[in-house]
């Protein structure tokens, strides 16, 4: 939005631009989340890079607060995105189907890809990865083709 001359193509995954674009129970979960409720795999991955538990808490709390304080973006600004955009989500993602379609219709050069799975599952996200699933491979193939 701010630097259209720099971005030729964008792959945008599991996003929203209005609070109402996410299922309401997700906001309840975010408000009540704590570092203790983080998935074990995510904590271990962070601590493998930075073994300071206080840094993990700071990261969690900062990310949580960023979500709690989220303010809607202007639909007109979304409509000014000129980059070719691949909008991606899971069919059981935190973003509502209606919101995905709204973004798809707002962005002039947008393609929409909805893959089976929950939030991040199509990426092979470590806490919900399904052994033997080909969905992350399909995602990668489509993204590589789009970016070529």
N, C-alpha and C. Protein backbone atom coordinates (compact mmCIF):
# COMPACT_ATOMS: atom_id res chain seq x y z
N UNK A 1 0.84 -1.19 0.00
CA UNK A 1 0.00 0.00 0.00
C UNK A 1 0.88 1.25 0.00
N UNK A 2 1.92 1.26 0.86
CA UNK A 2 2.76 2.45 0.98
C UNK A 2 3.83 2.56 -0.09
N UNK A 3 4.26 1.44 -0.65
CA UNK A 3 5.37 1.45 -1.61
C UNK A 3 5.05 0.59 -2.83
N UNK A 4 4.04 0.95 -3.61
CA UNK A 4 3.64 0.11 -4.74
C UNK A 4 4.73 -0.06 -5.79
N UNK A 5 5.65 0.87 -5.86
CA UNK A 5 6.72 0.78 -6.86
C UNK A 5 7.74 -0.30 -6.52
N UNK A 6 7.73 -0.80 -5.30
CA UNK A 6 8.70 -1.78 -4.85
C UNK A 6 8.18 -3.22 -4.99
N UNK A 7 6.88 -3.39 -4.89
CA UNK A 7 6.30 -4.73 -4.84
C UNK A 7 5.63 -5.06 -6.17
N UNK A 8 6.15 -6.10 -6.82
CA UNK A 8 5.57 -6.55 -8.08
C UNK A 8 4.54 -7.64 -7.85
N UNK A 9 4.85 -8.56 -6.93
CA UNK A 9 3.94 -9.65 -6.59
C UNK A 9 3.96 -9.86 -5.07
N UNK A 10 2.82 -10.30 -4.54
CA UNK A 10 2.72 -10.55 -3.10
C UNK A 10 1.96 -11.85 -2.86
N UNK A 11 2.48 -12.65 -1.94
CA UNK A 11 1.77 -13.84 -1.47
C UNK A 11 1.35 -13.53 -0.04
N UNK A 12 0.05 -13.50 0.19
CA UNK A 12 -0.50 -13.06 1.46
C UNK A 12 -1.32 -14.21 2.05
N UNK A 13 -0.91 -14.66 3.22
CA UNK A 13 -1.47 -15.89 3.80
C UNK A 13 -2.27 -15.64 5.08
N UNK A 14 -3.48 -16.17 5.11
CA UNK A 14 -4.32 -16.17 6.32
C UNK A 14 -4.42 -14.79 6.94
N UNK A 15 -4.75 -13.79 6.14
CA UNK A 15 -4.78 -12.41 6.62
C UNK A 15 -6.20 -11.87 6.71
N UNK A 16 -6.29 -10.73 7.36
CA UNK A 16 -7.56 -10.01 7.49
C UNK A 16 -7.23 -8.53 7.53
N UNK A 17 -8.21 -7.70 7.20
CA UNK A 17 -7.99 -6.27 7.33
C UNK A 17 -9.04 -5.60 8.21
N UNK A 18 -10.01 -6.40 8.65
CA UNK A 18 -11.02 -5.91 9.59
C UNK A 18 -11.16 -6.94 10.71
N UNK A 19 -11.38 -6.45 11.92
CA UNK A 19 -11.54 -7.35 13.07
C UNK A 19 -12.64 -8.38 12.82
N UNK A 20 -13.71 -7.96 12.16
CA UNK A 20 -14.82 -8.87 11.91
C UNK A 20 -14.47 -9.96 10.90
N UNK A 21 -13.29 -9.87 10.29
CA UNK A 21 -12.86 -10.87 9.31
C UNK A 21 -12.35 -12.15 9.94
N UNK A 22 -12.21 -12.14 11.26
CA UNK A 22 -11.76 -13.34 11.99
C UNK A 22 -12.91 -13.83 12.86
N UNK A 23 -13.02 -15.14 12.96
CA UNK A 23 -14.06 -15.72 13.81
C UNK A 23 -13.93 -15.16 15.24
N UNK A 24 -15.05 -14.82 15.85
CA UNK A 24 -15.05 -14.14 17.15
C UNK A 24 -14.34 -14.93 18.25
N UNK A 25 -14.42 -16.25 18.20
CA UNK A 25 -13.76 -17.04 19.26
C UNK A 25 -12.24 -16.90 19.21
N UNK A 26 -11.70 -16.53 18.06
CA UNK A 26 -10.25 -16.31 17.95
C UNK A 26 -9.85 -15.11 18.79
N UNK A 27 -10.66 -14.05 18.76
CA UNK A 27 -10.36 -12.86 19.57
C UNK A 27 -10.41 -13.20 21.06
N UNK A 28 -11.37 -14.04 21.46
CA UNK A 28 -11.45 -14.47 22.86
C UNK A 28 -10.18 -15.22 23.25
N UNK A 29 -9.73 -16.11 22.37
CA UNK A 29 -8.51 -16.88 22.63
C UNK A 29 -7.30 -15.95 22.75
N UNK A 30 -7.19 -14.99 21.84
CA UNK A 30 -6.05 -14.07 21.86
C UNK A 30 -6.02 -13.28 23.17
N UNK A 31 -7.17 -12.74 23.55
CA UNK A 31 -7.23 -11.93 24.79
C UNK A 31 -6.81 -12.73 26.01
N UNK A 32 -7.12 -14.01 26.05
CA UNK A 32 -6.82 -14.82 27.24
C UNK A 32 -5.52 -15.60 27.12
N UNK A 33 -4.80 -15.44 26.03
CA UNK A 33 -3.60 -16.25 25.83
C UNK A 33 -2.47 -15.81 26.77
N UNK A 34 -1.58 -16.75 27.02
CA UNK A 34 -0.39 -16.49 27.84
C UNK A 34 0.75 -17.31 27.27
N UNK A 35 1.95 -16.98 27.70
CA UNK A 35 3.10 -17.75 27.24
C UNK A 35 2.97 -19.22 27.65
N UNK A 36 2.31 -19.45 28.78
CA UNK A 36 2.09 -20.83 29.24
C UNK A 36 1.17 -21.61 28.31
N UNK A 37 0.27 -20.92 27.62
CA UNK A 37 -0.66 -21.61 26.74
C UNK A 37 -0.11 -21.79 25.32
N UNK A 38 1.09 -21.28 25.06
CA UNK A 38 1.69 -21.47 23.74
C UNK A 38 1.95 -22.95 23.48
N UNK A 39 1.81 -23.40 22.25
CA UNK A 39 2.16 -24.78 21.94
C UNK A 39 3.63 -25.06 22.25
N UNK A 40 3.87 -26.23 22.81
CA UNK A 40 5.21 -26.65 23.22
C UNK A 40 6.22 -26.52 22.07
N UNK A 41 5.80 -26.92 20.86
CA UNK A 41 6.71 -26.90 19.71
C UNK A 41 7.18 -25.48 19.39
N UNK A 42 6.28 -24.50 19.53
CA UNK A 42 6.65 -23.12 19.25
C UNK A 42 7.58 -22.56 20.31
N UNK A 43 7.31 -22.90 21.56
CA UNK A 43 8.21 -22.47 22.64
C UNK A 43 9.61 -23.05 22.44
N UNK A 44 9.66 -24.35 22.14
CA UNK A 44 10.96 -25.01 21.95
C UNK A 44 11.73 -24.41 20.77
N UNK A 45 11.03 -24.09 19.69
CA UNK A 45 11.69 -23.50 18.52
C UNK A 45 12.27 -22.13 18.86
N UNK A 46 11.52 -21.32 19.59
CA UNK A 46 12.02 -20.01 20.00
C UNK A 46 13.23 -20.16 20.90
N UNK A 47 13.10 -21.02 21.92
CA UNK A 47 14.17 -21.18 22.90
C UNK A 47 15.43 -21.82 22.31
N UNK A 48 15.29 -22.54 21.20
CA UNK A 48 16.47 -23.10 20.52
C UNK A 48 17.30 -21.98 19.89
N UNK A 49 16.65 -20.89 19.53
CA UNK A 49 17.35 -19.75 18.93
C UNK A 49 17.78 -18.75 20.00
N UNK A 50 16.90 -18.52 20.96
CA UNK A 50 17.17 -17.60 22.06
C UNK A 50 16.74 -18.30 23.35
N UNK A 51 17.70 -18.82 24.13
CA UNK A 51 17.35 -19.62 25.32
C UNK A 51 16.82 -18.82 26.51
N UNK A 52 16.57 -17.55 26.34
CA UNK A 52 16.10 -16.70 27.44
C UNK A 52 14.57 -16.77 27.55
N UNK A 53 14.04 -17.39 28.61
CA UNK A 53 12.59 -17.49 28.76
C UNK A 53 11.91 -16.12 28.90
N UNK A 54 12.65 -15.14 29.42
CA UNK A 54 12.07 -13.80 29.51
C UNK A 54 11.86 -13.21 28.11
N UNK A 55 12.77 -13.50 27.20
CA UNK A 55 12.62 -13.02 25.81
C UNK A 55 11.41 -13.68 25.15
N UNK A 56 11.17 -14.94 25.45
CA UNK A 56 9.99 -15.63 24.92
C UNK A 56 8.72 -14.94 25.41
N UNK A 57 8.68 -14.62 26.70
CA UNK A 57 7.51 -13.94 27.26
C UNK A 57 7.33 -12.56 26.62
N UNK A 58 8.41 -11.82 26.44
CA UNK A 58 8.32 -10.50 25.81
C UNK A 58 7.76 -10.63 24.40
N UNK A 59 8.27 -11.60 23.62
CA UNK A 59 7.80 -11.81 22.25
C UNK A 59 6.31 -12.15 22.25
N UNK A 60 5.92 -13.10 23.10
CA UNK A 60 4.51 -13.49 23.18
C UNK A 60 3.62 -12.31 23.53
N UNK A 61 3.99 -11.61 24.59
CA UNK A 61 3.16 -10.51 25.08
C UNK A 61 3.07 -9.38 24.05
N UNK A 62 4.16 -9.09 23.36
CA UNK A 62 4.16 -8.05 22.33
C UNK A 62 3.23 -8.46 21.17
N UNK A 63 3.35 -9.71 20.73
CA UNK A 63 2.50 -10.19 19.63
C UNK A 63 1.03 -10.21 20.04
N UNK A 64 0.76 -10.66 21.24
CA UNK A 64 -0.61 -10.69 21.75
C UNK A 64 -1.18 -9.28 21.78
N UNK A 65 -0.43 -8.33 22.31
CA UNK A 65 -0.92 -6.96 22.42
C UNK A 65 -1.14 -6.33 21.05
N UNK A 66 -0.27 -6.64 20.09
CA UNK A 66 -0.43 -6.14 18.73
C UNK A 66 -1.77 -6.60 18.15
N UNK A 67 -2.14 -7.85 18.42
CA UNK A 67 -3.42 -8.36 17.94
C UNK A 67 -4.59 -7.73 18.70
N UNK A 68 -4.48 -7.63 20.02
CA UNK A 68 -5.55 -7.03 20.83
C UNK A 68 -5.82 -5.60 20.38
N UNK A 69 -4.77 -4.85 20.04
CA UNK A 69 -4.89 -3.44 19.65
C UNK A 69 -5.19 -3.24 18.17
N UNK A 70 -5.34 -4.32 17.41
CA UNK A 70 -5.53 -4.19 15.96
C UNK A 70 -6.70 -3.27 15.63
N UNK A 71 -6.46 -2.35 14.71
CA UNK A 71 -7.50 -1.45 14.20
C UNK A 71 -7.75 -1.79 12.73
N UNK A 72 -8.99 -1.75 12.33
CA UNK A 72 -9.35 -2.05 10.94
C UNK A 72 -8.57 -1.18 9.96
N UNK A 73 -8.25 -1.77 8.81
CA UNK A 73 -7.65 -1.02 7.71
C UNK A 73 -8.78 -0.53 6.83
N UNK A 74 -8.51 0.47 6.06
CA UNK A 74 -9.48 1.07 5.17
C UNK A 74 -9.63 0.22 3.91
N UNK A 75 -10.86 -0.11 3.54
CA UNK A 75 -11.11 -0.93 2.34
C UNK A 75 -10.59 -0.24 1.08
N UNK A 76 -10.67 1.07 1.03
CA UNK A 76 -10.17 1.80 -0.14
C UNK A 76 -8.66 1.61 -0.29
N UNK A 77 -7.94 1.57 0.84
CA UNK A 77 -6.49 1.32 0.77
C UNK A 77 -6.20 -0.07 0.24
N UNK A 78 -6.96 -1.06 0.70
CA UNK A 78 -6.78 -2.42 0.20
C UNK A 78 -7.03 -2.46 -1.31
N UNK A 79 -8.01 -1.72 -1.76
CA UNK A 79 -8.34 -1.66 -3.18
C UNK A 79 -7.29 -0.97 -4.03
N UNK A 80 -6.38 -0.25 -3.40
CA UNK A 80 -5.30 0.43 -4.15
C UNK A 80 -4.06 -0.46 -4.33
N UNK A 81 -4.08 -1.65 -3.78
CA UNK A 81 -2.93 -2.56 -3.96
C UNK A 81 -2.84 -2.91 -5.44
N UNK A 82 -1.72 -2.60 -6.06
CA UNK A 82 -1.55 -2.82 -7.49
C UNK A 82 -0.72 -4.05 -7.82
N UNK A 83 -0.04 -4.60 -6.83
CA UNK A 83 0.78 -5.79 -7.07
C UNK A 83 -0.12 -6.99 -7.37
N UNK A 84 0.37 -7.86 -8.25
CA UNK A 84 -0.33 -9.14 -8.42
C UNK A 84 -0.27 -9.84 -7.06
N UNK A 85 -1.42 -10.29 -6.60
CA UNK A 85 -1.51 -10.81 -5.24
C UNK A 85 -2.11 -12.21 -5.25
N UNK A 86 -1.46 -13.11 -4.53
CA UNK A 86 -2.01 -14.44 -4.29
C UNK A 86 -2.46 -14.46 -2.84
N UNK A 87 -3.75 -14.53 -2.63
CA UNK A 87 -4.35 -14.55 -1.30
C UNK A 87 -4.63 -16.01 -0.95
N UNK A 88 -4.05 -16.47 0.17
CA UNK A 88 -4.11 -17.89 0.51
C UNK A 88 -4.70 -18.07 1.91
N UNK A 89 -5.52 -19.10 2.08
CA UNK A 89 -6.05 -19.45 3.39
C UNK A 89 -6.46 -20.92 3.39
N UNK A 90 -6.63 -21.45 4.59
CA UNK A 90 -7.17 -22.79 4.74
C UNK A 90 -8.69 -22.72 4.78
N UNK A 91 -9.34 -23.79 4.39
CA UNK A 91 -10.82 -23.78 4.40
C UNK A 91 -11.39 -23.78 5.81
N UNK A 92 -10.55 -24.06 6.82
CA UNK A 92 -10.96 -24.00 8.23
C UNK A 92 -10.09 -23.01 8.99
N UNK A 93 -9.67 -21.96 8.31
CA UNK A 93 -8.75 -20.96 8.86
C UNK A 93 -9.46 -20.04 9.85
N UNK A 94 -8.70 -19.16 10.50
CA UNK A 94 -9.28 -18.19 11.43
C UNK A 94 -10.01 -17.08 10.68
N UNK A 95 -9.67 -16.87 9.42
CA UNK A 95 -10.31 -15.86 8.59
C UNK A 95 -11.60 -16.44 8.02
N UNK A 96 -12.66 -15.65 8.02
CA UNK A 96 -13.93 -16.14 7.48
C UNK A 96 -13.87 -16.18 5.96
N UNK A 97 -14.64 -17.07 5.38
CA UNK A 97 -14.70 -17.18 3.92
C UNK A 97 -15.21 -15.88 3.30
N UNK A 98 -16.18 -15.27 3.95
CA UNK A 98 -16.75 -14.01 3.45
C UNK A 98 -15.68 -12.93 3.38
N UNK A 99 -14.82 -12.87 4.40
CA UNK A 99 -13.77 -11.85 4.44
C UNK A 99 -12.73 -12.11 3.35
N UNK A 100 -12.39 -13.37 3.14
CA UNK A 100 -11.47 -13.71 2.04
C UNK A 100 -12.02 -13.22 0.71
N UNK A 101 -13.29 -13.50 0.47
CA UNK A 101 -13.91 -13.06 -0.78
C UNK A 101 -13.93 -11.53 -0.89
N UNK A 102 -14.16 -10.86 0.22
CA UNK A 102 -14.16 -9.40 0.20
C UNK A 102 -12.78 -8.87 -0.21
N UNK A 103 -11.73 -9.42 0.39
CA UNK A 103 -10.37 -9.00 0.02
C UNK A 103 -10.08 -9.32 -1.43
N UNK A 104 -10.46 -10.52 -1.84
CA UNK A 104 -10.25 -10.94 -3.23
C UNK A 104 -10.90 -9.95 -4.20
N UNK A 105 -12.09 -9.53 -3.87
CA UNK A 105 -12.81 -8.60 -4.76
C UNK A 105 -12.24 -7.18 -4.71
N UNK A 106 -11.63 -6.80 -3.60
CA UNK A 106 -11.07 -5.45 -3.46
C UNK A 106 -9.74 -5.28 -4.20
N UNK A 107 -8.90 -6.30 -4.16
CA UNK A 107 -7.55 -6.19 -4.74
C UNK A 107 -7.66 -6.46 -6.24
N UNK A 108 -7.31 -5.46 -7.07
CA UNK A 108 -7.54 -5.59 -8.52
C UNK A 108 -6.89 -6.80 -9.20
N UNK A 109 -5.66 -7.12 -8.87
CA UNK A 109 -4.95 -8.22 -9.55
C UNK A 109 -4.77 -9.39 -8.58
N UNK A 110 -5.86 -9.84 -8.01
CA UNK A 110 -5.80 -10.85 -6.97
C UNK A 110 -6.22 -12.22 -7.49
N UNK A 111 -5.51 -13.23 -7.00
CA UNK A 111 -5.89 -14.63 -7.20
C UNK A 111 -6.16 -15.19 -5.81
N UNK A 112 -7.09 -16.12 -5.71
CA UNK A 112 -7.47 -16.70 -4.42
C UNK A 112 -7.21 -18.19 -4.43
N UNK A 113 -6.52 -18.65 -3.39
CA UNK A 113 -6.23 -20.07 -3.22
C UNK A 113 -6.70 -20.49 -1.83
N UNK A 114 -7.67 -21.39 -1.78
CA UNK A 114 -8.15 -21.94 -0.51
C UNK A 114 -7.80 -23.42 -0.52
N UNK A 115 -7.01 -23.82 0.47
CA UNK A 115 -6.55 -25.20 0.58
C UNK A 115 -7.20 -25.85 1.80
N UNK A 116 -7.28 -27.17 1.81
CA UNK A 116 -7.87 -27.84 2.97
C UNK A 116 -7.00 -27.65 4.21
N UNK A 117 -7.66 -27.37 5.33
CA UNK A 117 -6.93 -27.33 6.58
C UNK A 117 -7.21 -26.10 7.43
N UNK A 118 -6.62 -26.15 8.62
CA UNK A 118 -6.76 -25.07 9.59
C UNK A 118 -5.68 -24.02 9.39
N UNK A 119 -5.66 -23.03 10.23
CA UNK A 119 -4.71 -21.92 10.15
C UNK A 119 -3.27 -22.43 10.14
N UNK A 120 -2.59 -22.20 9.05
CA UNK A 120 -1.19 -22.59 8.92
C UNK A 120 -0.96 -24.02 8.48
N UNK A 121 -2.00 -24.82 8.46
CA UNK A 121 -1.83 -26.23 8.11
C UNK A 121 -1.29 -26.40 6.70
N UNK A 122 -1.76 -25.58 5.76
CA UNK A 122 -1.30 -25.67 4.37
C UNK A 122 0.19 -25.31 4.24
N UNK A 123 0.73 -24.62 5.26
CA UNK A 123 2.16 -24.29 5.28
C UNK A 123 3.00 -25.42 5.88
N UNK A 124 2.33 -26.37 6.51
CA UNK A 124 3.04 -27.43 7.22
C UNK A 124 3.42 -26.99 8.63
N UNK A 125 2.66 -26.05 9.19
CA UNK A 125 2.94 -25.49 10.52
C UNK A 125 3.13 -26.62 11.53
N UNK A 126 4.17 -26.52 12.31
CA UNK A 126 4.66 -27.63 13.14
C UNK A 126 3.63 -28.17 14.14
N UNK A 127 2.74 -27.34 14.65
CA UNK A 127 1.82 -27.82 15.69
C UNK A 127 0.61 -28.56 15.13
N UNK A 128 0.38 -28.45 13.82
CA UNK A 128 -0.78 -29.14 13.24
C UNK A 128 -0.44 -29.91 11.97
N UNK A 129 0.85 -30.03 11.68
CA UNK A 129 1.28 -30.75 10.46
C UNK A 129 0.77 -32.19 10.50
N UNK A 130 0.21 -32.61 9.38
CA UNK A 130 -0.28 -33.98 9.27
C UNK A 130 0.71 -34.79 8.45
N UNK A 131 1.27 -35.80 9.07
CA UNK A 131 2.24 -36.68 8.40
C UNK A 131 1.64 -37.23 7.12
N UNK A 132 2.38 -37.12 6.03
CA UNK A 132 1.94 -37.64 4.75
C UNK A 132 1.07 -36.69 3.94
N UNK A 133 0.72 -35.54 4.52
CA UNK A 133 -0.11 -34.58 3.79
C UNK A 133 0.68 -33.97 2.63
N UNK A 134 0.05 -33.88 1.48
CA UNK A 134 0.67 -33.28 0.30
C UNK A 134 0.29 -31.80 0.17
N UNK A 135 -0.56 -31.31 1.06
CA UNK A 135 -1.05 -29.94 0.95
C UNK A 135 0.08 -28.91 1.00
N UNK A 136 1.05 -29.01 1.94
CA UNK A 136 2.15 -28.04 1.91
C UNK A 136 2.94 -28.06 0.59
N UNK A 137 3.08 -29.23 0.01
CA UNK A 137 3.78 -29.33 -1.28
C UNK A 137 2.96 -28.66 -2.39
N UNK A 138 1.65 -28.85 -2.38
CA UNK A 138 0.78 -28.20 -3.36
C UNK A 138 0.88 -26.68 -3.19
N UNK A 139 0.83 -26.20 -1.95
CA UNK A 139 0.97 -24.78 -1.66
C UNK A 139 2.28 -24.24 -2.24
N UNK A 140 3.37 -24.90 -1.95
CA UNK A 140 4.68 -24.46 -2.43
C UNK A 140 4.74 -24.44 -3.95
N UNK A 141 4.19 -25.45 -4.58
CA UNK A 141 4.18 -25.52 -6.05
C UNK A 141 3.40 -24.34 -6.64
N UNK A 142 2.22 -24.06 -6.09
CA UNK A 142 1.39 -22.97 -6.60
C UNK A 142 2.09 -21.62 -6.37
N UNK A 143 2.68 -21.43 -5.20
CA UNK A 143 3.37 -20.17 -4.91
C UNK A 143 4.55 -19.97 -5.86
N UNK A 144 5.36 -21.02 -6.06
CA UNK A 144 6.49 -20.91 -6.97
C UNK A 144 6.04 -20.58 -8.39
N UNK A 145 4.97 -21.22 -8.83
CA UNK A 145 4.44 -20.94 -10.17
C UNK A 145 3.94 -19.48 -10.25
N UNK A 146 3.24 -19.02 -9.24
CA UNK A 146 2.74 -17.65 -9.20
C UNK A 146 3.89 -16.64 -9.26
N UNK A 147 4.95 -16.90 -8.52
CA UNK A 147 6.06 -15.96 -8.44
C UNK A 147 6.93 -15.95 -9.71
N UNK A 148 6.87 -17.01 -10.50
CA UNK A 148 7.64 -17.02 -11.74
C UNK A 148 7.06 -16.05 -12.68
